[in-house]
Amino acid sequence: MKFIVDSMLGRLAKWLRLFGYDTVFFKGKRDIELVFESIRQQRIILTRDTGISKKKPIKIIFIESENLTKQIEQLKRVLDLKLNGKSIYSRCIECNSTLEKIDKEKVKIKVPKYTFKTHKKFSYCPDCSKIYWRESHLKLAKKIIDKLL
């Protein structure tokens, strides 16, 4: 499943990426551009904008709540969205690129000393160079997953 999320749902976009879903955050101004991109990229539109549904994209889901947990619950219900530990942190939450593993020694000067000492595995984004370590963020993601499951 691939998503395109409008400007009202930036936090949801980051969490979908964290869960491993290919999610584009649309920064354009016009609804018709969002619809065009959803068709061109074959993505499901996620929006809170009720006016956009008149544009007839491939698939649109109007997100009912402003609450992140309820938004994810809605996607789970409507799309049978799967949340599992295997795909967590497989995408960059900033730019949506697929993360790659990186040798721990290569990140030594790029992460805090404590993080380097206490974590074994690191990933990086080949597009924006952001470094990720799963363990600390996994606890937060796991809380949300457990709440939803």
Protein backbone atom coordinates (compact mmCIF):
# COMPACT_ATOMS: atom_id res chain seq x y z
CA MET A 1 0.00 0.00 0.00
CA LYS A 2 1.28 3.45 -0.94
CA PHE A 3 -0.10 6.69 0.44
CA ILE A 4 -0.07 10.39 -0.34
CA VAL A 5 -0.94 12.53 2.67
CA ASP A 6 -2.04 16.15 2.56
CA SER A 7 -0.60 18.95 4.70
CA MET A 8 -3.15 18.40 7.48
CA LEU A 9 -1.75 14.96 8.29
CA GLY A 10 2.03 15.39 8.58
CA ARG A 11 2.25 13.52 11.88
CA LEU A 12 0.32 10.57 10.45
CA ALA A 13 2.68 10.54 7.44
CA LYS A 14 5.71 10.18 9.72
CA TRP A 15 4.11 7.34 11.67
CA LEU A 16 3.10 5.49 8.52
CA ARG A 17 6.72 5.77 7.35
CA LEU A 18 7.90 4.57 10.74
CA PHE A 19 5.66 1.52 10.30
CA GLY A 20 7.26 0.90 6.89
CA TYR A 21 4.60 2.27 4.55
CA ASP A 22 5.64 4.22 1.45
CA THR A 23 4.06 7.58 2.30
CA VAL A 24 4.50 10.84 0.39
CA PHE A 25 3.79 14.09 2.21
CA PHE A 26 2.20 16.39 -0.34
CA LYS A 27 3.37 19.98 0.05
CA GLY A 28 1.54 21.51 -2.90
CA LYS A 29 -1.22 24.06 -2.53
CA ARG A 30 -3.90 22.90 -4.95
CA ASP A 31 -6.17 19.90 -4.46
CA ILE A 32 -6.07 19.05 -8.16
CA GLU A 33 -2.27 18.62 -7.94
CA LEU A 34 -2.73 16.21 -5.04
CA VAL A 35 -5.26 14.22 -7.04
CA PHE A 36 -2.98 14.19 -10.10
CA GLU A 37 -0.04 12.93 -8.02
CA SER A 38 -2.18 10.23 -6.41
CA ILE A 39 -3.17 8.96 -9.86
CA ARG A 40 0.33 9.31 -11.35
CA GLN A 41 1.99 7.49 -8.44
CA GLN A 42 -0.95 5.13 -7.77
CA ARG A 43 -1.28 6.19 -4.15
CA ILE A 44 -4.21 6.31 -1.75
CA ILE A 45 -5.01 9.87 -0.65
CA LEU A 46 -5.31 10.44 3.08
CA THR A 47 -6.90 13.77 3.95
CA ARG A 48 -9.08 15.67 6.38
CA ASP A 49 -10.21 18.00 3.58
CA THR A 50 -13.80 17.07 2.72
CA GLY A 51 -13.77 19.18 -0.46
CA ILE A 52 -11.11 17.07 -2.11
CA SER A 53 -13.34 14.01 -2.44
CA LYS A 54 -15.17 15.69 -5.32
CA LYS A 55 -12.08 15.33 -7.51
CA LYS A 56 -12.50 11.54 -7.98
CA PRO A 57 -8.98 10.20 -7.37
CA ILE A 58 -8.23 6.49 -7.52
CA LYS A 59 -8.81 6.05 -3.79
CA ILE A 60 -9.39 8.54 -1.02
CA ILE A 61 -9.86 8.11 2.69
CA PHE A 62 -11.20 10.98 4.72
CA ILE A 63 -9.47 10.82 8.10
CA GLU A 64 -12.11 11.49 10.71
CA SER A 65 -10.08 12.32 13.82
CA GLU A 66 -7.28 14.71 14.71
CA ASN A 67 -5.96 12.12 17.19
CA LEU A 68 -3.04 10.08 15.81
CA THR A 69 -4.04 6.81 17.48
CA LYS A 70 -7.59 7.12 16.19
CA GLN A 71 -6.26 7.91 12.71
CA ILE A 72 -4.20 4.73 12.69
CA GLU A 73 -7.13 2.75 14.11
CA GLN A 74 -9.29 4.04 11.25
CA LEU A 75 -6.71 2.96 8.64
CA LYS A 76 -6.44 -0.42 10.32
CA ARG A 77 -10.21 -0.82 10.14
CA VAL A 78 -10.77 0.57 6.64
CA LEU A 79 -7.69 -0.84 4.88
CA ASP A 80 -6.80 -3.76 7.11
CA LEU A 81 -3.53 -1.91 7.72
CA LYS A 82 -0.91 -4.24 9.19
CA LEU A 83 1.44 -3.03 11.90
CA ASN A 84 4.36 -5.30 12.63
CA GLY A 85 7.86 -5.06 14.03
CA LYS A 86 9.53 -6.36 10.87
CA SER A 87 8.87 -3.25 8.82
CA ILE A 88 9.37 -0.64 11.55
CA TYR A 89 12.13 1.76 10.61
CA SER A 90 12.55 0.49 7.10
CA ARG A 91 11.80 4.00 5.72
CA CYS A 92 13.14 7.44 6.55
CA ILE A 93 10.47 9.34 8.47
CA GLU A 94 11.74 12.61 7.00
CA CYS A 95 11.98 11.89 3.27
CA ASN A 96 10.37 8.44 2.79
CA SER A 97 13.46 6.75 1.28
CA THR A 98 14.24 3.14 2.09
CA LEU A 99 16.80 2.91 4.90
CA GLU A 100 20.04 0.99 4.53
CA LYS A 101 22.13 -0.69 7.20
CA ILE A 102 25.40 0.98 8.09
CA ASP A 103 28.39 -0.29 10.02
CA LYS A 104 28.42 1.01 13.59
CA GLU A 105 31.95 2.44 13.29
CA LYS A 106 30.86 4.66 10.38
CA VAL A 107 28.36 6.52 12.57
CA LYS A 108 30.62 7.03 15.57
CA ILE A 109 31.06 10.78 15.02
CA LYS A 110 27.51 11.28 13.75
CA VAL A 111 25.54 10.11 16.80
CA PRO A 112 25.69 11.01 20.50
CA LYS A 113 28.38 9.13 22.45
CA TYR A 114 25.81 7.48 24.72
CA THR A 115 23.80 6.30 21.71
CA PHE A 116 26.94 4.87 20.11
CA LYS A 117 27.80 2.98 23.32
CA THR A 118 24.32 1.63 23.99
CA HIS A 119 23.16 0.63 20.49
CA LYS A 120 24.45 -2.10 18.21
CA LYS A 121 22.60 -1.57 14.94
CA PHE A 122 22.25 1.57 12.88
CA SER A 123 20.59 2.50 9.61
CA TYR A 124 20.90 5.57 7.44
CA CYS A 125 18.96 7.31 4.74
CA PRO A 126 20.91 7.40 1.46
CA ASP A 127 18.99 10.52 0.37
CA CYS A 128 19.01 12.83 3.40
CA SER A 129 21.81 11.12 5.42
CA LYS A 130 19.75 10.89 8.62
CA ILE A 131 21.01 8.17 11.01
CA TYR A 132 18.57 5.86 12.80
CA TRP A 133 18.87 3.43 15.68
CA ARG A 134 15.92 1.22 16.34
CA GLU A 135 16.00 0.31 20.00
CA SER A 136 14.97 3.59 21.64
CA HIS A 137 12.33 4.49 19.07
CA LEU A 138 10.98 0.97 18.96
CA LYS A 139 9.71 1.30 22.52
CA LEU A 140 7.52 4.24 21.54
CA ALA A 141 6.32 2.54 18.36
CA LYS A 142 5.62 -0.65 20.31
CA LYS A 143 3.43 1.28 22.76
CA ILE A 144 1.31 2.56 19.90
CA ILE A 145 1.19 -0.84 18.19
CA ASP A 146 0.22 -2.57 21.45
CA LYS A 147 -2.49 0.00 22.02
CA LEU A 148 -3.86 -0.60 18.53
CA LEU A 149 -3.66 -4.37 18.67
